[in-house]
């Protein structure tokens, strides 16, 4: 069985778009959570939103670094990076769910 040829063409561009899209949505979620926390005067929500915003910035930075690496030579996905991104996405979802529950209650 022969291995499939590496897709060196559009992989860096697709990866960069996915990272940017994820970081943008996480940043928007952080801004909504921050606005809700400031409006309600809840310090914990403000702290969570600030942390989420920082994670969004780190995610954007990691995506930019990943794009540069892929542009130089396609490489395998780092499992640590993948776990970090999954954790950040779960954090964003948890903050969003918390804000929805607080707004409804």
PDB file of N, CA and C in Angstrom:
ATOM      1  N   UNK A   1       0.839  -1.166   0.000  1.00  0.00           N
ATOM      2  CA  UNK A   1       0.000   0.000   0.000  1.00  0.00           C
ATOM      3  C   UNK A   1       0.892   1.240   0.000  1.00  0.00           C
ATOM      4  N   UNK A   2       0.691   2.139  -0.922  1.00  0.00           N
ATOM      5  CA  UNK A   2       1.505   3.350  -1.007  1.00  0.00           C
ATOM      6  C   UNK A   2       0.850   4.472  -0.216  1.00  0.00           C
ATOM      7  N   UNK A   3       1.655   5.259   0.470  1.00  0.00           N
ATOM      8  CA  UNK A   3       1.089   6.365   1.242  1.00  0.00           C
ATOM      9  C   UNK A   3       0.534   7.449   0.318  1.00  0.00           C
ATOM     10  N   UNK A   4      -0.482   8.119   0.798  1.00  0.00           N
ATOM     11  CA  UNK A   4      -1.080   9.211   0.016  1.00  0.00           C
ATOM     12  C   UNK A   4      -0.092  10.371  -0.051  1.00  0.00           C
ATOM     13  N   UNK A   5      -0.053  11.064  -1.182  1.00  0.00           N
ATOM     14  CA  UNK A   5       0.869  12.195  -1.292  1.00  0.00           C
ATOM     15  C   UNK A   5       0.452  13.320  -0.342  1.00  0.00           C
ATOM     16  N   UNK A   6       1.438  14.028   0.165  1.00  0.00           N
ATOM     17  CA  UNK A   6       1.165  15.149   1.073  1.00  0.00           C
ATOM     18  C   UNK A   6       0.508  16.295   0.315  1.00  0.00           C
ATOM     19  N   UNK A   7      -0.462  16.930   0.929  1.00  0.00           N
ATOM     20  CA  UNK A   7      -1.143  18.068   0.330  1.00  0.00           C
ATOM     21  C   UNK A   7      -0.422  19.331   0.765  1.00  0.00           C
ATOM     22  N   UNK A   8       0.604  19.693   0.015  1.00  0.00           N
ATOM     23  CA  UNK A   8       1.389  20.874   0.375  1.00  0.00           C
ATOM     24  C   UNK A   8       0.801  22.142  -0.221  1.00  0.00           C
ATOM     25  N   UNK A   9      -0.236  22.018  -1.037  1.00  0.00           N
ATOM     26  CA  UNK A   9      -0.777  23.174  -1.739  1.00  0.00           C
ATOM     27  C   UNK A   9      -1.583  24.110  -0.869  1.00  0.00           C
ATOM     28  N   UNK A  10      -2.782  23.702  -0.507  1.00  0.00           N
ATOM     29  CA  UNK A  10      -3.677  24.602   0.194  1.00  0.00           C
ATOM     30  C   UNK A  10      -3.766  24.344   1.691  1.00  0.00           C
ATOM     31  N   UNK A  11      -3.053  23.367   2.193  1.00  0.00           N
ATOM     32  CA  UNK A  11      -3.147  23.047   3.615  1.00  0.00           C
ATOM     33  C   UNK A  11      -2.808  24.236   4.509  1.00  0.00           C
ATOM     34  N   UNK A  12      -1.732  24.984   4.261  1.00  0.00           N
ATOM     35  CA  UNK A  12      -1.453  26.127   5.139  1.00  0.00           C
ATOM     36  C   UNK A  12      -2.572  27.167   5.137  1.00  0.00           C
ATOM     37  N   UNK A  13      -3.172  27.399   3.969  1.00  0.00           N
ATOM     38  CA  UNK A  13      -4.244  28.384   3.888  1.00  0.00           C
ATOM     39  C   UNK A  13      -5.495  27.915   4.629  1.00  0.00           C
ATOM     40  N   UNK A  14      -5.855  26.644   4.446  1.00  0.00           N
ATOM     41  CA  UNK A  14      -7.028  26.108   5.155  1.00  0.00           C
ATOM     42  C   UNK A  14      -6.811  26.126   6.653  1.00  0.00           C
ATOM     43  N   UNK A  15      -5.601  25.765   7.070  1.00  0.00           N
ATOM     44  CA  UNK A  15      -5.288  25.761   8.489  1.00  0.00           C
ATOM     45  C   UNK A  15      -5.350  27.170   9.059  1.00  0.00           C
ATOM     46  N   UNK A  16      -4.786  28.123   8.352  1.00  0.00           N
ATOM     47  CA  UNK A  16      -4.797  29.510   8.832  1.00  0.00           C
ATOM     48  C   UNK A  16      -6.220  30.029   8.952  1.00  0.00           C
ATOM     49  N   UNK A  17      -7.062  29.729   7.984  1.00  0.00           N
ATOM     50  CA  UNK A  17      -8.453  30.181   8.058  1.00  0.00           C
ATOM     51  C   UNK A  17      -9.189  29.548   9.228  1.00  0.00           C
ATOM     52  N   UNK A  18      -8.947  28.283   9.478  1.00  0.00           N
ATOM     53  CA  UNK A  18      -9.609  27.609  10.597  1.00  0.00           C
ATOM     54  C   UNK A  18      -9.165  28.194  11.932  1.00  0.00           C
ATOM     55  N   UNK A  19      -7.879  28.453  12.079  1.00  0.00           N
ATOM     56  CA  UNK A  19      -7.374  29.041  13.322  1.00  0.00           C
ATOM     57  C   UNK A  19      -7.936  30.445  13.513  1.00  0.00           C
ATOM     58  N   UNK A  20      -7.955  31.240  12.454  1.00  0.00           N
ATOM     59  CA  UNK A  20      -8.477  32.609  12.564  1.00  0.00           C
ATOM     60  C   UNK A  20      -9.956  32.608  12.913  1.00  0.00           C
ATOM     61  N   UNK A  21     -10.699  31.739  12.277  1.00  0.00           N
ATOM     62  CA  UNK A  21     -12.141  31.652  12.531  1.00  0.00           C
ATOM     63  C   UNK A  21     -12.399  31.247  13.984  1.00  0.00           C
ATOM     64  N   UNK A  22     -11.676  30.268  14.474  1.00  0.00           N
ATOM     65  CA  UNK A  22     -11.852  29.824  15.856  1.00  0.00           C
ATOM     66  C   UNK A  22     -11.471  30.924  16.837  1.00  0.00           C
ATOM     67  N   UNK A  23     -10.348  31.592  16.603  1.00  0.00           N
ATOM     68  CA  UNK A  23      -9.908  32.666  17.498  1.00  0.00           C
ATOM     69  C   UNK A  23     -10.892  33.838  17.468  1.00  0.00           C
ATOM     70  N   UNK A  24     -11.408  34.169  16.294  1.00  0.00           N
ATOM     71  CA  UNK A  24     -12.369  35.271  16.178  1.00  0.00           C
ATOM     72  C   UNK A  24     -13.649  34.960  16.940  1.00  0.00           C
ATOM     73  N   UNK A  25     -14.173  33.763  16.769  1.00  0.00           N
ATOM     74  CA  UNK A  25     -15.400  33.400  17.472  1.00  0.00           C
ATOM     75  C   UNK A  25     -15.188  33.356  18.983  1.00  0.00           C
ATOM     76  N   UNK A  26     -14.016  32.908  19.403  1.00  0.00           N
ATOM     77  CA  UNK A  26     -13.730  32.885  20.823  1.00  0.00           C
ATOM     78  C   UNK A  26     -13.615  34.315  21.371  1.00  0.00           C
ATOM     79  N   UNK A  27     -13.022  35.216  20.600  1.00  0.00           N
ATOM     80  CA  UNK A  27     -12.904  36.612  21.020  1.00  0.00           C
ATOM     81  C   UNK A  27     -14.273  37.278  21.098  1.00  0.00           C
ATOM     82  N   UNK A  28     -15.141  36.998  20.134  1.00  0.00           N
ATOM     83  CA  UNK A  28     -16.499  37.548  20.171  1.00  0.00           C
ATOM     84  C   UNK A  28     -17.236  37.021  21.395  1.00  0.00           C
ATOM     85  N   UNK A  29     -17.092  35.744  21.680  1.00  0.00           N
ATOM     86  CA  UNK A  29     -17.709  35.157  22.862  1.00  0.00           C
ATOM     87  C   UNK A  29     -17.187  35.835  24.128  1.00  0.00           C
ATOM     88  N   UNK A  30     -15.888  36.124  24.167  1.00  0.00           N
ATOM     89  CA  UNK A  30     -15.302  36.798  25.330  1.00  0.00           C
ATOM     90  C   UNK A  30     -15.873  38.203  25.490  1.00  0.00           C
ATOM     91  N   UNK A  31     -16.060  38.915  24.374  1.00  0.00           N
ATOM     92  CA  UNK A  31     -16.616  40.265  24.453  1.00  0.00           C
ATOM     93  C   UNK A  31     -18.060  40.261  24.943  1.00  0.00           C
ATOM     94  N   UNK A  32     -18.846  39.307  24.468  1.00  0.00           N
ATOM     95  CA  UNK A  32     -20.233  39.196  24.927  1.00  0.00           C
ATOM     96  C   UNK A  32     -20.265  38.848  26.418  1.00  0.00           C
ATOM     97  N   UNK A  33     -19.413  37.927  26.832  1.00  0.00           N
ATOM     98  CA  UNK A  33     -19.355  37.551  28.241  1.00  0.00           C
ATOM     99  C   UNK A  33     -18.885  38.723  29.101  1.00  0.00           C
ATOM    100  N   UNK A  34     -17.930  39.488  28.605  1.00  0.00           N
ATOM    101  CA  UNK A  34     -17.440  40.653  29.333  1.00  0.00           C
ATOM    102  C   UNK A  34     -18.538  41.703  29.482  1.00  0.00           C
ATOM    103  N   UNK A  35     -19.253  41.953  28.417  1.00  0.00           N
ATOM    104  CA  UNK A  35     -20.354  42.929  28.467  1.00  0.00           C
ATOM    105  C   UNK A  35     -21.422  42.486  29.469  1.00  0.00           C
ATOM    106  N   UNK A  36     -21.768  41.210  29.431  1.00  0.00           N
ATOM    107  CA  UNK A  36     -22.763  40.686  30.364  1.00  0.00           C
ATOM    108  C   UNK A  36     -22.273  40.782  31.805  1.00  0.00           C
ATOM    109  N   UNK A  37     -21.013  40.446  32.034  1.00  0.00           N
ATOM    110  CA  UNK A  37     -20.454  40.513  33.370  1.00  0.00           C
ATOM    111  C   UNK A  37     -20.390  41.935  33.904  1.00  0.00           C
ATOM    112  N   UNK A  38     -20.006  42.880  33.036  1.00  0.00           N
ATOM    113  CA  UNK A  38     -19.949  44.276  33.461  1.00  0.00           C
ATOM    114  C   UNK A  38     -21.349  44.836  33.734  1.00  0.00           C
ATOM    115  N   UNK A  39     -22.306  44.453  32.904  1.00  0.00           N
ATOM    116  CA  UNK A  39     -23.675  44.944  33.081  1.00  0.00           C
ATOM    117  C   UNK A  39     -24.300  44.409  34.367  1.00  0.00           C
ATOM    118  N   UNK A  40     -23.977  43.169  34.720  1.00  0.00           N
ATOM    119  CA  UNK A  40     -24.565  42.576  35.921  1.00  0.00           C
ATOM    120  C   UNK A  40     -23.732  42.852  37.175  1.00  0.00           C
ATOM    121  N   UNK A  41     -22.519  43.371  36.997  1.00  0.00           N
ATOM    122  CA  UNK A  41     -21.644  43.641  38.133  1.00  0.00           C
ATOM    123  C   UNK A  41     -21.029  42.393  38.738  1.00  0.00           C
ATOM    124  N   UNK A  42     -21.005  41.302  37.980  1.00  0.00           N
ATOM    125  CA  UNK A  42     -20.467  40.033  38.461  1.00  0.00           C
ATOM    126  C   UNK A  42     -18.976  39.942  38.147  1.00  0.00           C
ATOM    127  N   UNK A  43     -18.154  40.016  39.177  1.00  0.00           N
ATOM    128  CA  UNK A  43     -16.704  39.976  38.997  1.00  0.00           C
ATOM    129  C   UNK A  43     -16.193  38.668  38.439  1.00  0.00           C
ATOM    130  N   UNK A  44     -16.846  37.560  38.807  1.00  0.00           N
ATOM    131  CA  UNK A  44     -16.403  36.254  38.293  1.00  0.00           C
ATOM    132  C   UNK A  44     -16.607  36.159  36.787  1.00  0.00           C
ATOM    133  N   UNK A  45     -17.717  36.700  36.302  1.00  0.00           N
ATOM    134  CA  UNK A  45     -17.961  36.684  34.861  1.00  0.00           C
ATOM    135  C   UNK A  45     -16.949  37.548  34.124  1.00  0.00           C
ATOM    136  N   UNK A  46     -16.614  38.684  34.699  1.00  0.00           N
ATOM    137  CA  UNK A  46     -15.617  39.564  34.087  1.00  0.00           C
ATOM    138  C   UNK A  46     -14.261  38.861  34.042  1.00  0.00           C
ATOM    139  N   UNK A  47     -13.897  38.182  35.129  1.00  0.00           N
ATOM    140  CA  UNK A  47     -12.621  37.455  35.167  1.00  0.00           C
ATOM    141  C   UNK A  47     -12.608  36.319  34.140  1.00  0.00           C
ATOM    142  N   UNK A  48     -13.705  35.579  34.050  1.00  0.00           N
ATOM    143  CA  UNK A  48     -13.777  34.485  33.075  1.00  0.00           C
ATOM    144  C   UNK A  48     -13.709  35.022  31.648  1.00  0.00           C
ATOM    145  N   UNK A  49     -14.390  36.136  31.396  1.00  0.00           N
ATOM    146  CA  UNK A  49     -14.376  36.718  30.054  1.00  0.00           C
ATOM    147  C   UNK A  49     -12.985  37.237  29.704  1.00  0.00           C
ATOM    148  N   UNK A  50     -12.304  37.821  30.670  1.00  0.00           N
ATOM    149  CA  UNK A  50     -10.947  38.312  30.441  1.00  0.00           C
ATOM    150  C   UNK A  50     -10.001  37.143  30.145  1.00  0.00           C
ATOM    151  N   UNK A  51     -10.136  36.075  30.901  1.00  0.00           N
ATOM    152  CA  UNK A  51      -9.312  34.883  30.649  1.00  0.00           C
ATOM    153  C   UNK A  51      -9.613  34.303  29.272  1.00  0.00           C
ATOM    154  N   UNK A  52     -10.876  34.287  28.904  1.00  0.00           N
ATOM    155  CA  UNK A  52     -11.259  33.767  27.591  1.00  0.00           C
ATOM    156  C   UNK A  52     -10.686  34.638  26.471  1.00  0.00           C
ATOM    157  N   UNK A  53     -10.688  35.947  26.671  1.00  0.00           N
ATOM    158  CA  UNK A  53     -10.089  36.849  25.686  1.00  0.00           C
ATOM    159  C   UNK A  53      -8.597  36.601  25.540  1.00  0.00           C
ATOM    160  N   UNK A  54      -7.917  36.359  26.667  1.00  0.00           N
ATOM    161  CA  UNK A  54      -6.486  36.063  26.615  1.00  0.00           C
ATOM    162  C   UNK A  54      -6.227  34.747  25.881  1.00  0.00           C
ATOM    163  N   UNK A  55      -7.071  33.760  26.125  1.00  0.00           N
ATOM    164  CA  UNK A  55      -6.935  32.475  25.428  1.00  0.00           C
ATOM    165  C   UNK A  55      -7.159  32.663  23.929  1.00  0.00           C
ATOM    166  N   UNK A  56      -8.107  33.525  23.562  1.00  0.00           N
ATOM    167  CA  UNK A  56      -8.358  33.787  22.140  1.00  0.00           C
ATOM    168  C   UNK A  56      -7.130  34.406  21.480  1.00  0.00           C
ATOM    169  N   UNK A  57      -6.471  35.329  22.187  1.00  0.00           N
ATOM    170  CA  UNK A  57      -5.254  35.920  21.639  1.00  0.00           C
ATOM    171  C   UNK A  57      -4.150  34.880  21.490  1.00  0.00           C
ATOM    172  N   UNK A  58      -3.999  34.019  22.494  1.00  0.00           N
ATOM    173  CA  UNK A  58      -2.996  32.953  22.408  1.00  0.00           C
ATOM    174  C   UNK A  58      -3.305  31.982  21.269  1.00  0.00           C
ATOM    175  N   UNK A  59      -4.589  31.721  21.071  1.00  0.00           N
ATOM    176  CA  UNK A  59      -4.994  30.833  19.987  1.00  0.00           C
ATOM    177  C   UNK A  59      -4.671  31.452  18.624  1.00  0.00           C
ATOM    178  N   UNK A  60      -4.905  32.752  18.490  1.00  0.00           N
ATOM    179  CA  UNK A  60      -4.562  33.432  17.242  1.00  0.00           C
ATOM    180  C   UNK A  60      -3.052  33.384  16.998  1.00  0.00           C
ATOM    181  N   UNK A  61      -2.270  33.578  18.051  1.00  0.00           N
ATOM    182  CA  UNK A  61      -0.817  33.501  17.932  1.00  0.00           C
ATOM    183  C   UNK A  61      -0.363  32.092  17.548  1.00  0.00           C
ATOM    184  N   UNK A  62      -0.924  31.094  18.199  1.00  0.00           N
ATOM    185  CA  UNK A  62      -0.573  29.702  17.877  1.00  0.00           C
ATOM    186  C   UNK A  62      -0.935  29.374  16.432  1.00  0.00           C
ATOM    187  N   UNK A  63      -2.068  29.883  15.970  1.00  0.00           N
ATOM    188  CA  UNK A  63      -2.462  29.653  14.582  1.00  0.00           C
ATOM    189  C   UNK A  63      -1.517  30.293  13.597  1.00  0.00           C
ATOM    190  N   UNK A  64      -1.055  31.488  13.929  1.00  0.00           N
ATOM    191  CA  UNK A  64      -0.102  32.166  13.057  1.00  0.00           C
ATOM    192  C   UNK A  64       1.222  31.401  12.986  1.00  0.00           C
ATOM    193  N   UNK A  65       1.682  30.928  14.134  1.00  0.00           N
ATOM    194  CA  UNK A  65       2.915  30.133  14.148  1.00  0.00           C
ATOM    195  C   UNK A  65       2.746  28.830  13.382  1.00  0.00           C
ATOM    196  N   UNK A  66       1.591  28.206  13.546  1.00  0.00           N
ATOM    197  CA  UNK A  66       1.317  26.946  12.837  1.00  0.00           C
ATOM    198  C   UNK A  66       1.289  27.171  11.324  1.00  0.00           C
ATOM    199  N   UNK A  67       0.700  28.278  10.896  1.00  0.00           N
ATOM    200  CA  UNK A  67       0.648  28.579   9.468  1.00  0.00           C
ATOM    201  C   UNK A  67       2.054  28.741   8.897  1.00  0.00           C
ATOM    202  N   UNK A  68       2.916  29.432   9.620  1.00  0.00           N
ATOM    203  CA  UNK A  68       4.293  29.610   9.148  1.00  0.00           C
ATOM    204  C   UNK A  68       5.021  28.272   9.027  1.00  0.00           C
ATOM    205  N   UNK A  69       4.819  27.413  10.032  1.00  0.00           N
ATOM    206  CA  UNK A  69       5.476  26.095   9.985  1.00  0.00           C
ATOM    207  C   UNK A  69       4.969  25.265   8.814  1.00  0.00           C
ATOM    208  N   UNK A  70       3.666  25.296   8.588  1.00  0.00           N
ATOM    209  CA  UNK A  70       3.110  24.514   7.482  1.00  0.00           C
ATOM    210  C   UNK A  70       3.536  25.071   6.128  1.00  0.00           C
ATOM    211  N   UNK A  71       3.726  26.377   6.047  1.00  0.00           N
ATOM    212  CA  UNK A  71       4.162  26.979   4.788  1.00  0.00           C
ATOM    213  C   UNK A  71       5.592  26.545   4.454  1.00  0.00           C
ATOM    214  N   UNK A  72       6.393  26.324   5.484  1.00  0.00           N
ATOM    215  CA  UNK A  72       7.764  25.894   5.256  1.00  0.00           C
ATOM    216  C   UNK A  72       7.825  24.415   4.870  1.00  0.00           C
ATOM    217  N   UNK A  73       7.144  23.582   5.615  1.00  0.00           N
ATOM    218  CA  UNK A  73       7.127  22.145   5.334  1.00  0.00           C
ATOM    219  C   UNK A  73       5.941  21.532   6.068  1.00  0.00           C
ATOM    220  N   UNK A  74       5.051  20.853   5.345  1.00  0.00           N
ATOM    221  CA  UNK A  74       3.907  20.214   6.015  1.00  0.00           C
ATOM    222  C   UNK A  74       4.399  19.239   7.079  1.00  0.00           C
ATOM    223  N   UNK A  75       3.779  19.299   8.235  1.00  0.00           N
ATOM    224  CA  UNK A  75       4.207  18.451   9.348  1.00  0.00           C
ATOM    225  C   UNK A  75       2.998  17.817  10.010  1.00  0.00           C
ATOM    226  N   UNK A  76       3.269  16.853  10.833  1.00  0.00           N
ATOM    227  CA  UNK A  76       2.204  16.192  11.573  1.00  0.00           C
ATOM    228  C   UNK A  76       1.665  17.134  12.647  1.00  0.00           C
ATOM    229  N   UNK A  77       0.448  16.900  13.057  1.00  0.00           N
ATOM    230  CA  UNK A  77      -0.183  17.719  14.082  1.00  0.00           C
ATOM    231  C   UNK A  77       0.418  17.380  15.436  1.00  0.00           C
ATOM    232  N   UNK A  78       0.751  18.397  16.198  1.00  0.00           N
ATOM    233  CA  UNK A  78       1.252  18.209  17.553  1.00  0.00           C
ATOM    234  C   UNK A  78       0.082  17.840  18.454  1.00  0.00           C
ATOM    235  N   UNK A  79       0.205  16.739  19.169  1.00  0.00           N
ATOM    236  CA  UNK A  79      -0.892  16.296  20.031  1.00  0.00           C
ATOM    237  C   UNK A  79      -1.091  17.239  21.211  1.00  0.00           C
ATOM    238  N   UNK A  80      -0.014  17.814  21.721  1.00  0.00           N
ATOM    239  CA  UNK A  80      -0.145  18.787  22.804  1.00  0.00           C
ATOM    240  C   UNK A  80      -0.915  20.013  22.343  1.00  0.00           C
ATOM    241  N   UNK A  81      -0.593  20.496  21.162  1.00  0.00           N
ATOM    242  CA  UNK A  81      -1.294  21.666  20.619  1.00  0.00           C
ATOM    243  C   UNK A  81      -2.759  21.346  20.382  1.00  0.00           C
ATOM    244  N   UNK A  82      -3.025  20.170  19.874  1.00  0.00           N
ATOM    245  CA  UNK A  82      -4.404  19.758  19.627  1.00  0.00           C
ATOM    246  C   UNK A  82      -5.196  19.696  20.933  1.00  0.00           C
ATOM    247  N   UNK A  83      -4.616  19.146  21.975  1.00  0.00           N
ATOM    248  CA  UNK A  83      -5.286  19.100  23.276  1.00  0.00           C
ATOM    249  C   UNK A  83      -5.494  20.497  23.846  1.00  0.00           C
ATOM    250  N   UNK A  84      -4.537  21.391  23.648  1.00  0.00           N
ATOM    251  CA  UNK A  84      -4.669  22.764  24.115  1.00  0.00           C
ATOM    252  C   UNK A  84      -5.835  23.458  23.420  1.00  0.00           C
ATOM    253  N   UNK A  85      -5.947  23.268  22.111  1.00  0.00           N
ATOM    254  CA  UNK A  85      -7.030  23.894  21.356  1.00  0.00           C
ATOM    255  C   UNK A  85      -8.384  23.328  21.772  1.00  0.00           C
ATOM    256  N   UNK A  86      -8.450  22.034  21.972  1.00  0.00           N
ATOM    257  CA  UNK A  86      -9.708  21.425  22.429  1.00  0.00           C
ATOM    258  C   UNK A  86     -10.093  21.978  23.801  1.00  0.00           C
ATOM    259  N   UNK A  87      -9.122  22.098  24.690  1.00  0.00           N
ATOM    260  CA  UNK A  87      -9.396  22.659  26.014  1.00  0.00           C
ATOM    261  C   UNK A  87      -9.873  24.102  25.938  1.00  0.00           C
ATOM    262  N   UNK A  88      -9.253  24.893  25.084  1.00  0.00           N
ATOM    263  CA  UNK A  88      -9.665  26.287  24.926  1.00  0.00           C
ATOM    264  C   UNK A  88     -11.077  26.383  24.357  1.00  0.00           C
ATOM    265  N   UNK A  89     -11.400  25.504  23.440  1.00  0.00           N
ATOM    266  CA  UNK A  89     -12.742  25.500  22.858  1.00  0.00           C
ATOM    267  C   UNK A  89     -13.785  25.106  23.894  1.00  0.00           C
ATOM    268  N   UNK A  90     -13.457  24.125  24.729  1.00  0.00           N
ATOM    269  CA  UNK A  90     -14.370  23.733  25.810  1.00  0.00           C
ATOM    270  C   UNK A  90     -14.549  24.878  26.806  1.00  0.00           C
ATOM    271  N   UNK A  91     -13.479  25.598  27.104  1.00  0.00           N
ATOM    272  CA  UNK A  91     -13.574  26.749  27.995  1.00  0.00           C
ATOM    273  C   UNK A  91     -14.510  27.804  27.415  1.00  0.00           C
ATOM    274  N   UNK A  92     -14.377  28.067  26.125  1.00  0.00           N
ATOM    275  CA  UNK A  92     -15.252  29.043  25.476  1.00  0.00           C
ATOM    276  C   UNK A  92     -16.707  28.595  25.556  1.00  0.00           C
ATOM    277  N   UNK A  93     -16.951  27.329  25.319  1.00  0.00           N
ATOM    278  CA  UNK A  93     -18.314  26.809  25.407  1.00  0.00           C
ATOM    279  C   UNK A  93     -18.875  26.887  26.811  1.00  0.00           C
ATOM    280  N   UNK A  94     -18.030  26.609  27.806  1.00  0.00           N
ATOM    281  CA  UNK A  94     -18.486  26.667  29.199  1.00  0.00           C
ATOM    282  C   UNK A  94     -18.831  28.091  29.607  1.00  0.00           C
ATOM    283  N   UNK A  95     -18.012  29.053  29.185  1.00  0.00           N
ATOM    284  CA  UNK A  95     -18.305  30.454  29.497  1.00  0.00           C
ATOM    285  C   UNK A  95     -19.587  30.896  28.806  1.00  0.00           C
ATOM    286  N   UNK A  96     -19.772  30.491  27.571  1.00  0.00           N
ATOM    287  CA  UNK A  96     -20.996  30.846  26.850  1.00  0.00           C
ATOM    288  C   UNK A  96     -22.222  30.235  27.536  1.00  0.00           C
ATOM    289  N   UNK A  97     -22.128  28.985  27.922  1.00  0.00           N
ATOM    290  CA  UNK A  97     -23.242  28.326  28.593  1.00  0.00           C
ATOM    291  C   UNK A  97     -23.552  28.991  29.927  1.00  0.00           C
ATOM    292  N   UNK A  98     -22.520  29.373  30.659  1.00  0.00           N
ATOM    293  CA  UNK A  98     -22.712  30.066  31.923  1.00  0.00           C
ATOM    294  C   UNK A  98     -23.433  31.392  31.714  1.00  0.00           C
ATOM    295  N   UNK A  99     -23.040  32.127  30.693  1.00  0.00           N
ATOM    296  CA  UNK A  99     -23.680  33.408  30.403  1.00  0.00           C
ATOM    297  C   UNK A  99     -25.134  33.220  29.983  1.00  0.00           C
ATOM    298  N   UNK A 100     -25.414  32.193  29.224  1.00  0.00           N
ATOM    299  CA  UNK A 100     -26.792  31.921  28.805  1.00  0.00           C
ATOM    300  C   UNK A 100     -27.643  31.553  30.010  1.00  0.00           C
ATOM    301  N   UNK A 101     -27.110  30.735  30.895  1.00  0.00           N
ATOM    302  CA  UNK A 101     -27.866  30.346  32.098  1.00  0.00           C
ATOM    303  C   UNK A 101     -28.126  31.534  33.006  1.00  0.00           C
ATOM    304  N   UNK A 102     -27.149  32.400  33.157  1.00  0.00           N
ATOM    305  CA  UNK A 102     -27.328  33.575  34.013  1.00  0.00           C
ATOM    306  C   UNK A 102     -28.300  34.568  33.398  1.00  0.00           C
ATOM    307  N   UNK A 103     -28.264  34.716  32.094  1.00  0.00           N
ATOM    308  CA  UNK A 103     -29.182  35.664  31.438  1.00  0.00           C
ATOM    309  C   UNK A 103     -30.613  35.170  31.513  1.00  0.00           C
ATOM    310  N   UNK A 104     -30.812  33.855  31.468  1.00  0.00           N
ATOM    311  CA  UNK A 104     -32.160  33.284  31.509  1.00  0.00           C
ATOM    312  C   UNK A 104     -32.727  33.219  32.908  1.00  0.00           C
ATOM    313  N   UNK A 105     -31.870  33.231  33.917  1.00  0.00           N
ATOM    314  CA  UNK A 105     -32.329  33.045  35.299  1.00  0.00           C
ATOM    315  C   UNK A 105     -32.480  34.336  35.975  1.00  0.00           C
TER     316      UNK A 105
END
